[in-house]
Protein backbone atom coordinates (compact mmCIF):
# COMPACT_ATOMS: atom_id res chain seq x y z
CA MET A 1 125.77 -38.05 201.88
CA SER A 2 126.57 -41.64 202.88
CA ASN A 3 126.76 -42.53 206.55
CA GLY A 4 128.79 -45.64 205.77
CA PRO A 5 132.18 -46.38 207.32
CA VAL A 6 135.40 -44.52 206.72
CA ILE A 7 137.84 -46.88 205.01
CA ALA A 8 141.52 -46.65 205.91
CA ALA A 9 143.82 -48.38 203.42
CA VAL A 10 146.96 -49.55 205.24
CA ASP A 11 150.12 -51.43 204.30
CA GLY A 12 152.19 -50.94 207.45
CA SER A 13 154.25 -48.03 206.08
CA GLU A 14 154.51 -44.74 207.92
CA HIS A 15 152.62 -43.16 205.01
CA SER A 16 149.62 -45.40 205.56
CA LEU A 17 149.73 -45.07 209.36
CA ARG A 18 149.38 -41.29 208.99
CA ALA A 19 146.35 -41.98 206.83
CA LEU A 20 145.00 -44.41 209.43
CA GLU A 21 145.12 -41.73 212.12
CA TRP A 22 143.41 -39.25 209.80
CA ALA A 23 140.70 -41.84 209.05
CA ARG A 24 140.20 -42.61 212.75
CA ALA A 25 139.64 -38.92 213.50
CA ALA A 26 137.27 -38.60 210.52
CA ALA A 27 135.17 -41.56 211.68
CA LEU A 28 134.91 -40.00 215.15
CA ARG A 29 133.90 -36.60 213.71
CA HIS A 30 131.15 -38.15 211.60
CA GLY A 31 130.02 -40.77 214.12
CA THR A 32 130.61 -43.65 211.72
CA GLY A 33 132.50 -46.93 211.81
CA LEU A 34 136.08 -47.46 210.69
CA LEU A 35 137.00 -50.19 208.21
CA VAL A 36 140.73 -50.96 208.07
CA ALA A 37 141.54 -52.51 204.69
CA HIS A 38 144.85 -54.22 204.02
CA VAL A 39 145.74 -55.59 200.60
CA LEU A 40 147.79 -58.70 201.31
CA PRO A 41 151.34 -58.69 199.92
CA ASP A 42 152.09 -60.85 196.90
CA VAL A 43 153.91 -63.50 198.94
CA THR A 44 150.85 -64.03 201.14
CA GLN A 45 148.53 -64.25 198.16
CA LEU A 46 150.84 -66.73 196.44
CA TYR A 47 151.01 -68.85 199.60
CA ALA A 48 147.22 -68.96 199.89
CA GLY A 49 146.90 -69.96 196.24
CA ARG A 50 149.55 -72.68 196.57
CA ARG A 51 147.96 -74.14 199.71
CA SER A 52 144.54 -74.16 198.07
CA ALA A 53 145.92 -75.88 194.95
CA LEU A 54 147.85 -78.56 196.88
CA HIS A 55 145.15 -79.23 199.47
CA ASP A 56 147.90 -79.92 202.00
CA PRO A 57 146.37 -80.04 205.51
CA ASN A 58 149.84 -80.06 207.08
CA GLN A 59 150.46 -76.49 205.96
CA PRO A 60 149.25 -73.67 208.25
CA GLU A 61 145.95 -72.19 207.13
CA GLU A 62 147.29 -68.65 207.10
CA HIS A 63 150.58 -67.01 206.23
CA ALA A 64 151.88 -64.67 208.93
CA ASP A 65 150.71 -61.11 208.30
CA PRO A 66 152.34 -58.66 210.74
CA VAL A 67 150.59 -55.59 209.27
CA THR A 68 147.17 -56.32 210.73
CA ASP A 69 148.67 -57.13 214.14
CA ARG A 70 150.59 -53.84 214.18
CA VAL A 71 147.59 -51.82 213.12
CA ARG A 72 145.38 -53.44 215.76
CA ALA A 73 147.93 -52.63 218.44
CA LEU A 74 148.18 -49.00 217.31
CA LEU A 75 144.42 -48.51 217.28
CA GLU A 76 143.95 -50.16 220.67
CA ALA A 77 146.42 -47.64 222.10
CA SER A 78 144.44 -44.72 220.67
CA PRO A 79 142.70 -42.40 223.14
CA GLU A 80 139.32 -42.96 221.45
CA LEU A 81 137.96 -45.36 218.85
CA PRO A 82 135.00 -45.07 216.48
CA ARG A 83 131.82 -46.91 217.37
CA GLU A 84 132.83 -49.92 215.28
CA VAL A 85 136.21 -51.01 213.95
CA ARG A 86 136.46 -53.78 211.38
CA TYR A 87 139.43 -55.31 209.57
CA GLU A 88 139.48 -56.79 206.09
CA SER A 89 142.33 -58.46 204.26
CA LEU A 90 142.02 -58.09 200.51
CA GLU A 91 143.53 -59.93 197.56
CA GLY A 92 144.49 -58.68 194.12
CA SER A 93 146.33 -55.55 193.08
CA VAL A 94 146.04 -52.55 195.39
CA PRO A 95 143.99 -50.36 193.00
CA ALA A 96 141.65 -53.20 192.00
CA ALA A 97 141.06 -54.40 195.56
CA LEU A 98 140.39 -50.91 196.89
CA ARG A 99 138.15 -50.13 193.92
CA VAL A 100 136.01 -53.16 194.80
CA ILE A 101 135.72 -52.32 198.48
CA SER A 102 134.92 -48.68 197.71
CA ALA A 103 131.83 -49.91 195.86
CA GLU A 104 130.58 -51.90 198.87
CA ASP A 105 128.83 -50.71 202.04
CA SER A 106 128.46 -47.16 200.62
CA PRO A 107 131.54 -45.85 202.46
CA ARG A 108 131.70 -42.19 203.41
CA MET A 109 135.26 -41.98 202.11
CA LEU A 110 138.43 -43.97 201.54
CA VAL A 111 141.61 -42.62 203.12
CA MET A 112 145.10 -43.61 202.03
CA GLY A 113 148.68 -42.40 202.19
CA SER A 114 150.45 -40.90 199.22
CA ARG A 115 153.40 -43.29 198.93
CA GLY A 116 155.01 -40.72 196.60
CA ARG A 117 158.46 -42.05 195.63
CA GLY A 118 158.96 -40.35 192.28
CA GLY A 119 161.98 -38.51 191.01
CA PHE A 120 160.92 -35.26 192.70
CA ALA A 121 160.83 -35.18 196.50
CA THR A 122 158.12 -32.51 196.38
CA LEU A 123 155.63 -34.70 194.53
CA LEU A 124 152.81 -36.11 196.59
CA LEU A 125 151.33 -38.87 194.53
CA GLY A 126 152.35 -42.49 194.00
CA SER A 127 150.91 -44.81 191.35
CA ASN A 128 148.51 -46.62 193.69
CA SER A 129 147.14 -43.37 195.12
CA ARG A 130 146.64 -41.97 191.64
CA ALA A 131 144.87 -45.11 190.42
CA VAL A 132 142.54 -45.31 193.42
CA ALA A 133 141.69 -41.59 193.34
CA THR A 134 140.84 -41.98 189.65
CA THR A 135 138.62 -45.07 189.86
CA ALA A 136 137.11 -45.45 193.35
CA SER A 137 133.34 -45.20 193.72
CA CYS A 138 133.52 -43.04 196.84
CA PRO A 139 135.47 -39.90 197.77
CA VAL A 140 139.19 -40.60 198.22
CA VAL A 141 141.29 -38.62 200.69
CA VAL A 142 145.04 -38.72 200.06
CA VAL A 143 147.14 -37.82 203.10
CA PRO A 144 150.64 -36.58 202.22
CA HIS A 145 153.80 -38.18 203.52
CA SER A 146 155.87 -36.47 206.19
CA ASP A 147 158.39 -35.07 203.68
CA ARG A 148 155.64 -32.76 202.43
CA ASP A 149 155.38 -31.15 205.87
CA ALA A 150 158.89 -29.79 205.45
CA ALA A 151 157.81 -28.11 202.20
CA ALA A 152 154.98 -26.22 203.90
CA ARG A 153 155.23 -22.56 204.90
CA PRO A 154 158.21 -21.98 207.24
CA ALA A 155 157.50 -21.24 210.88
CA GLY A 156 157.06 -17.59 211.70
CA GLU A 157 155.43 -16.59 208.43
CA ALA A 158 151.91 -15.18 208.47
CA ALA A 159 149.09 -17.70 208.37
CA GLU A 160 147.27 -18.17 205.09
CA PRO A 161 143.65 -17.02 204.77
CA SER A 162 142.78 -20.71 204.45
CA ALA A 163 144.24 -21.71 207.85
CA GLY A 164 142.18 -24.52 209.39
CA LYS A 165 139.41 -24.25 206.79
CA VAL A 166 137.96 -26.62 204.22
CA VAL A 167 138.97 -25.27 200.81
CA LEU A 168 136.70 -26.12 197.88
CA GLY A 169 137.83 -25.87 194.27
CA LEU A 170 134.66 -24.89 192.41
CA HIS A 171 134.08 -24.60 188.67
CA VAL A 172 130.87 -22.60 188.81
CA THR A 173 129.23 -24.36 185.85
CA GLU A 174 130.74 -27.85 185.95
CA THR A 175 131.49 -29.02 189.51
CA PRO A 176 128.87 -31.63 190.54
CA GLU A 177 126.72 -31.07 193.60
CA SER A 178 128.27 -34.07 195.36
CA VAL A 179 131.59 -32.20 195.57
CA LEU A 180 129.97 -29.19 197.24
CA THR A 181 128.03 -31.40 199.64
CA PHE A 182 131.19 -33.24 200.67
CA ALA A 183 133.02 -29.98 201.40
CA PHE A 184 130.17 -28.50 203.44
CA THR A 185 129.66 -31.75 205.37
CA GLU A 186 133.35 -31.82 206.27
CA ALA A 187 133.29 -28.18 207.35
CA ALA A 188 130.19 -28.78 209.49
CA ALA A 189 131.83 -31.76 211.19
CA ARG A 190 134.93 -29.64 211.92
CA ALA A 191 132.93 -26.52 212.91
CA THR A 192 135.00 -24.51 210.45
CA THR A 193 134.63 -22.35 207.34
CA VAL A 194 134.31 -23.38 203.70
CA GLN A 195 136.54 -21.26 201.50
CA VAL A 196 135.42 -21.49 197.87
CA VAL A 197 138.02 -20.87 195.16
CA SER A 198 137.05 -20.43 191.50
CA ALA A 199 139.05 -19.40 188.43
CA TYR A 200 138.04 -16.82 185.85
CA ALA A 201 139.47 -16.08 182.42
CA VAL A 202 141.07 -12.69 181.79
CA PRO A 203 143.70 -11.44 179.33
CA PRO A 204 147.23 -11.63 180.77
CA GLY A 205 148.37 -8.52 182.60
CA PRO A 206 150.37 -7.33 185.60
CA ALA A 207 147.37 -7.52 187.91
CA ASN A 208 146.91 -11.27 187.50
CA LEU A 209 150.45 -12.54 187.66
CA LEU A 210 150.99 -15.67 189.74
CA GLY A 211 151.74 -14.63 193.29
CA ALA A 212 149.29 -11.73 193.33
CA PRO A 213 147.52 -11.28 196.68
CA PHE A 214 144.90 -13.93 197.38
CA ALA A 215 141.69 -11.95 197.82
CA VAL A 216 138.93 -13.50 199.93
CA VAL A 217 135.65 -11.72 199.32
CA PRO A 218 132.73 -11.88 201.79
CA PRO A 219 129.29 -12.22 200.14
CA GLU A 220 128.19 -8.76 201.29
CA ALA A 221 131.05 -7.22 199.27
CA LEU A 222 129.69 -8.45 195.95
CA ALA A 223 128.64 -5.12 194.46
CA ASP A 224 128.85 -3.62 191.00
CA ALA A 225 131.40 -1.07 192.09
CA GLY A 226 134.88 -1.97 193.19
CA ASP A 227 138.33 -2.85 191.97
CA THR A 228 137.43 -6.29 190.59
CA VAL A 229 137.40 -6.86 186.84
CA PRO A 230 134.04 -7.75 185.22
CA ALA A 231 134.98 -11.43 184.76
CA GLU A 232 135.87 -11.69 188.43
CA ARG A 233 132.61 -10.04 189.53
CA GLU A 234 130.58 -12.40 187.36
CA THR A 235 132.48 -15.40 188.75
CA LEU A 236 131.74 -14.28 192.30
CA ARG A 237 128.07 -13.87 191.46
CA ALA A 238 127.98 -17.30 189.82
CA GLN A 239 129.60 -18.72 192.95
CA THR A 240 126.89 -17.14 195.06
CA ARG A 241 124.16 -18.72 192.94
CA ARG A 242 125.78 -22.17 193.15
CA LEU A 243 126.15 -21.88 196.93
CA GLU A 244 122.60 -20.76 197.74
CA GLN A 245 121.20 -24.23 198.43
CA LEU A 246 124.26 -25.33 200.39
CA ARG A 247 124.07 -22.21 202.58
CA ALA A 248 120.44 -23.05 203.32
CA ARG A 249 121.24 -26.68 204.16
CA TYR A 250 124.26 -25.76 206.30
CA PRO A 251 123.31 -22.41 207.90
CA ASP A 252 125.97 -22.74 210.61
CA VAL A 253 128.86 -23.16 208.16
CA PRO A 254 130.55 -19.81 207.35
CA VAL A 255 131.44 -19.31 203.69
CA GLU A 256 134.22 -17.28 202.11
CA GLN A 257 134.47 -16.70 198.37
CA ALA A 258 137.70 -16.24 196.47
CA THR A 259 138.72 -16.05 192.82
CA GLU A 260 141.87 -16.75 190.88
CA PRO A 261 142.70 -15.59 187.34
CA GLY A 262 143.51 -18.36 184.90
CA ASN A 263 143.73 -21.69 186.70
CA ALA A 264 142.79 -22.41 190.30
CA ALA A 265 145.22 -25.31 190.80
CA GLY A 266 148.15 -23.18 191.96
CA ARG A 267 146.02 -21.32 194.47
CA LEU A 268 144.55 -24.56 195.82
CA VAL A 269 148.05 -25.97 196.28
CA GLU A 270 149.08 -22.82 198.13
CA ALA A 271 145.97 -23.03 200.31
CA SER A 272 146.80 -26.66 201.14
CA ARG A 273 149.75 -25.43 203.24
CA SER A 274 147.38 -24.49 206.04
CA ALA A 275 143.91 -25.79 205.11
CA ALA A 276 142.35 -28.64 207.06
CA LEU A 277 141.33 -30.24 203.76
CA VAL A 278 141.24 -29.33 200.07
CA VAL A 279 138.24 -30.72 198.16
CA VAL A 280 138.17 -31.10 194.36
CA GLY A 281 135.95 -32.90 191.87
CA ARG A 282 137.38 -35.82 189.97
CA HIS A 283 136.45 -34.57 186.49
CA HIS A 284 133.68 -33.03 184.43
CA PRO A 285 130.45 -34.98 185.12
CA ARG A 286 129.83 -35.55 181.41
CA VAL A 287 133.29 -36.93 180.74
CA ARG A 288 133.15 -40.69 181.10
CA SER A 289 136.87 -41.20 181.28
CA LEU A 290 139.42 -42.89 183.49
CA LEU A 291 141.54 -39.75 183.29
CA ILE A 292 141.42 -37.48 186.30
CA GLY A 293 140.76 -33.79 185.69
CA SER A 294 143.70 -31.42 185.25
CA VAL A 295 143.00 -29.41 188.43
CA ALA A 296 142.52 -32.51 190.60
CA HIS A 297 145.67 -34.05 189.15
CA ALA A 298 147.78 -30.95 189.79
CA VAL A 299 146.52 -30.54 193.35
CA LEU A 300 147.14 -34.21 194.15
CA GLN A 301 150.66 -34.02 192.74
CA HIS A 302 151.76 -30.96 194.69
CA ALA A 303 149.52 -30.44 197.73
CA HIS A 304 151.01 -30.00 201.19
CA GLY A 305 148.00 -31.33 203.09
CA PRO A 306 145.13 -33.80 202.74
CA VAL A 307 143.19 -33.68 199.47
CA ALA A 308 139.73 -35.17 198.88
CA VAL A 309 138.88 -36.20 195.32
CA VAL A 310 135.11 -36.57 194.98
CA PRO A 311 133.58 -38.54 192.09
CA THR A 312 130.33 -37.70 190.34
CA LEU A 313 127.43 -39.63 191.84
CA PRO A 314 125.51 -41.87 189.38
CA GLU A 315 122.35 -39.77 189.68
CA GLU A 316 124.37 -36.65 188.78
CA ASP A 317 125.76 -38.13 185.58
CA GLY A 318 123.82 -36.33 182.90
CA ALA A 319 125.40 -38.22 180.03
CA PRO A 320 122.99 -40.35 177.99
């Protein structure tokens, strides 16, 4: 796992400032630096290009950029700062500029706001967030805008089993090891539990209708007898096998195992109401595609809390 800086992508909006605060706390938890990246607005980039083309020494060297000044002031007022804070102004389109910086300095993660402004108020994802989560070289954490808080579970209702935990969406045969490592590292830094959610295929029936109770199964309960269907028992056992090495590497991180019939996306979205973080893989490691996986896409579109999308590391790519 990289010990590089946490990158916070900011543009001065309230969306990005929420992401900045999340990134600051993440850098403190992991003991790393914080890199604040701001993609300059088009007018600033055009000004710089015009000045360079005209070679006019009478023009100011820089166009006023209030975003960096505001961000600096906000961070300086914070109760605690990471060990190192750097600022970089980037040029180009937002996805392209952030894709480049995510490939430099081996960052631990890139954090950005959702900027969701689509036709549905409940949607999380904007076009820039989607593009960066799909193409960045490092894990991307998308922090939802404040409107999503209002869509979370109403006050007074019982807490979800995932409250305060790191929730990992795991396909037992396809999810790369880098995704598991990211989830366990985050849980260790937060001194919390990893809750692992996997889907299993069963014929449709009353017992697996959407909205059925979300069963969290401790490892010691994995026995042949019980009320679980065979496919669910095999999924839980496959989970256990996938988690063996991670349990050994992170012995202080408690683990809960859960299953979901059909597709795990809906359960991960539900868990995001109270989870500290939901972690998903970008796509199948053998699929060399710019398309994000269906589960990751659905969770990003509808989650109520922060979501980490973790790419496959180069050494994990088994494609020829």
